[in-house]
Amino acid sequence: MGPFARNSTFASIDLNSMMRQRPEEMSRLLQKVADMVQKGQIRPLDTTIYGVNQIEDALRLLPSGQSMGKVVVKVEKGVTVEPFAEVATHAIAGGLGGLGRSIARWMAKRGARHMLLLSRSGGEQPEAAQFIRDMTSQGL
């Protein structure tokens, strides 16, 4: 966040819209940026690359304010990751609806053991009540 302390200005533009609406201007700006990079007047944002096994570290870095650049998670061939830790609790909004129940079953098959199923109706619907009984009987 150092640039803000130096009274810098940050702006964003919709490159897709600009390319469609003003292609000549877009071409001119891209050439200008390329020239500035080549002359060392500006430089690309830093890129921090994490392996897929380090995804928690990558996600922790984003809100910390320690990275103004890009955070990339690289997936290598042959690397397997257990998608759901048995010791974690996983929250599912709408967890007792049809889609939520399907997602919970899918997660359970992939290692999730503790789930917090959020629902406006609670377990009042017959399908939801049966689902809770089924999951509980499986030790979930």
Protein backbone atom coordinates (compact mmCIF):
# COMPACT_ATOMS: atom_id res chain seq x y z
CA MET A 1 0.00 0.00 0.00
CA GLY A 2 3.06 2.23 -0.16
CA PRO A 3 2.04 3.96 -3.43
CA PHE A 4 -0.96 5.51 -1.69
CA ALA A 5 1.35 7.18 0.83
CA ARG A 6 3.17 8.83 -2.09
CA ASN A 7 -0.08 10.40 -3.36
CA SER A 8 -0.21 8.10 -6.39
CA THR A 9 -3.35 7.65 -8.47
CA PHE A 10 -4.70 4.28 -9.51
CA ALA A 11 -7.32 3.90 -12.22
CA SER A 12 -8.89 0.99 -14.01
CA ILE A 13 -10.39 0.67 -17.46
CA ASP A 14 -12.50 -1.98 -19.15
CA LEU A 15 -10.09 -3.20 -21.81
CA ASN A 16 -12.71 -5.31 -23.58
CA SER A 17 -15.06 -2.34 -24.02
CA MET A 18 -12.22 -0.09 -25.08
CA MET A 19 -11.05 -2.61 -27.66
CA ARG A 20 -14.56 -2.85 -29.13
CA GLN A 21 -15.41 0.85 -29.03
CA ARG A 22 -12.05 2.52 -29.65
CA PRO A 23 -9.61 0.02 -31.21
CA GLU A 24 -7.26 2.72 -32.54
CA GLU A 25 -6.94 4.30 -29.10
CA MET A 26 -6.39 0.88 -27.55
CA SER A 27 -3.60 0.13 -30.02
CA ARG A 28 -1.96 3.50 -29.30
CA LEU A 29 -2.13 2.96 -25.52
CA LEU A 30 -0.73 -0.58 -25.72
CA GLN A 31 2.17 0.67 -27.81
CA LYS A 32 2.82 3.46 -25.30
CA VAL A 33 2.80 1.01 -22.38
CA ALA A 34 5.16 -1.36 -24.24
CA ASP A 35 7.54 1.54 -24.92
CA MET A 36 7.47 2.61 -21.26
CA VAL A 37 8.22 -0.96 -20.12
CA GLN A 38 11.09 -1.23 -22.60
CA LYS A 39 12.57 2.08 -21.39
CA GLY A 40 12.26 1.00 -17.76
CA GLN A 41 9.85 3.82 -16.93
CA ILE A 42 7.30 1.35 -15.61
CA ARG A 43 7.50 -2.31 -14.75
CA PRO A 44 4.95 -5.11 -14.58
CA LEU A 45 3.46 -6.00 -11.22
CA ASP A 46 5.33 -8.68 -9.30
CA THR A 47 3.97 -12.19 -9.65
CA THR A 48 4.08 -14.64 -6.76
CA ILE A 49 3.62 -18.25 -7.85
CA TYR A 50 2.39 -20.91 -5.45
CA GLY A 51 2.03 -24.62 -6.00
CA VAL A 52 -1.44 -26.08 -5.65
CA ASN A 53 -0.36 -27.58 -2.32
CA GLN A 54 0.26 -24.02 -1.05
CA ILE A 55 -3.17 -22.63 -1.93
CA GLU A 56 -3.90 -21.69 1.69
CA ASP A 57 -0.76 -19.51 1.77
CA ALA A 58 -1.77 -17.89 -1.52
CA LEU A 59 -5.28 -17.09 -0.29
CA ARG A 60 -3.92 -15.74 2.99
CA LEU A 61 -1.63 -13.34 1.11
CA LEU A 62 -4.44 -11.67 -0.86
CA PRO A 63 -6.25 -9.81 1.95
CA SER A 64 -3.06 -9.19 3.93
CA GLY A 65 -2.07 -6.17 1.83
CA GLN A 66 1.44 -7.60 1.43
CA SER A 67 1.03 -8.15 -2.30
CA MET A 68 0.16 -5.49 -4.86
CA GLY A 69 1.00 -7.89 -7.68
CA LYS A 70 -0.52 -11.04 -9.05
CA VAL A 71 -0.88 -14.23 -7.04
CA VAL A 72 -0.87 -17.35 -9.21
CA VAL A 73 -1.62 -20.92 -8.15
CA LYS A 74 0.15 -23.30 -10.52
CA VAL A 75 -1.24 -26.78 -10.98
CA GLU A 76 1.45 -29.26 -11.98
CA LYS A 77 0.69 -32.56 -13.69
CA GLY A 78 0.65 -35.50 -11.33
CA VAL A 79 0.15 -33.43 -8.16
CA THR A 80 -2.80 -34.63 -6.14
CA VAL A 81 -4.41 -32.74 -3.32
CA GLU A 82 -6.91 -34.05 -0.80
CA PRO A 83 -9.72 -31.60 -1.48
CA PHE A 84 -11.31 -31.64 1.96
CA ALA A 85 -9.42 -31.97 5.22
CA GLU A 86 -11.04 -34.31 7.72
CA VAL A 87 -10.30 -31.91 10.58
CA ALA A 88 -11.84 -28.83 8.93
CA THR A 89 -15.47 -27.72 9.12
CA HIS A 90 -16.98 -26.84 5.76
CA ALA A 91 -19.95 -24.43 5.55
CA ILE A 92 -22.54 -24.83 2.81
CA ALA A 93 -25.09 -22.03 2.35
CA GLY A 94 -28.40 -23.58 1.35
CA GLY A 95 -27.01 -26.87 2.60
CA LEU A 96 -30.36 -28.57 3.13
CA GLY A 97 -31.81 -27.73 -0.28
CA GLY A 98 -31.53 -30.13 -3.20
CA LEU A 99 -28.29 -28.68 -4.56
CA GLY A 100 -26.81 -28.22 -1.08
CA ARG A 101 -27.50 -31.86 -0.19
CA SER A 102 -25.86 -32.99 -3.44
CA ILE A 103 -22.80 -30.85 -2.74
CA ALA A 104 -22.58 -32.18 0.84
CA ARG A 105 -22.71 -35.79 -0.41
CA TRP A 106 -20.06 -35.01 -3.03
CA MET A 107 -17.81 -33.40 -0.40
CA ALA A 108 -18.28 -36.35 1.99
CA LYS A 109 -17.15 -38.76 -0.73
CA ARG A 110 -13.99 -36.66 -1.05
CA GLY A 111 -13.01 -36.59 2.59
CA ALA A 112 -15.10 -33.87 4.28
CA ARG A 113 -16.22 -35.08 7.71
CA HIS A 114 -17.53 -31.95 9.44
CA MET A 115 -20.12 -29.78 7.70
CA LEU A 116 -22.12 -26.75 8.75
CA LEU A 117 -25.27 -26.80 6.63
CA LEU A 118 -26.91 -23.36 6.58
CA SER A 119 -30.61 -23.28 5.75
CA ARG A 120 -33.50 -20.85 6.14
CA SER A 121 -35.97 -23.68 6.76
CA GLY A 122 -33.75 -25.80 9.01
CA GLY A 123 -34.39 -29.53 8.95
CA GLU A 124 -38.18 -29.19 8.81
CA GLN A 125 -38.67 -30.54 5.27
CA PRO A 126 -38.95 -34.36 5.12
CA GLU A 127 -36.11 -34.63 2.56
CA ALA A 128 -33.84 -32.49 4.72
CA ALA A 129 -34.64 -34.43 7.89
CA GLN A 130 -33.93 -37.73 6.14
CA PHE A 131 -30.69 -36.34 4.73
CA ILE A 132 -29.55 -35.30 8.22
CA ARG A 133 -30.32 -38.79 9.55
CA ASP A 134 -28.45 -40.41 6.64
CA MET A 135 -25.38 -38.22 7.07
CA THR A 136 -25.37 -38.68 10.85
CA SER A 137 -25.59 -42.46 10.49
CA GLN A 138 -22.45 -42.29 8.32
CA GLY A 139 -20.58 -40.52 11.11
CA LEU A 140 -20.74 -37.10 9.48
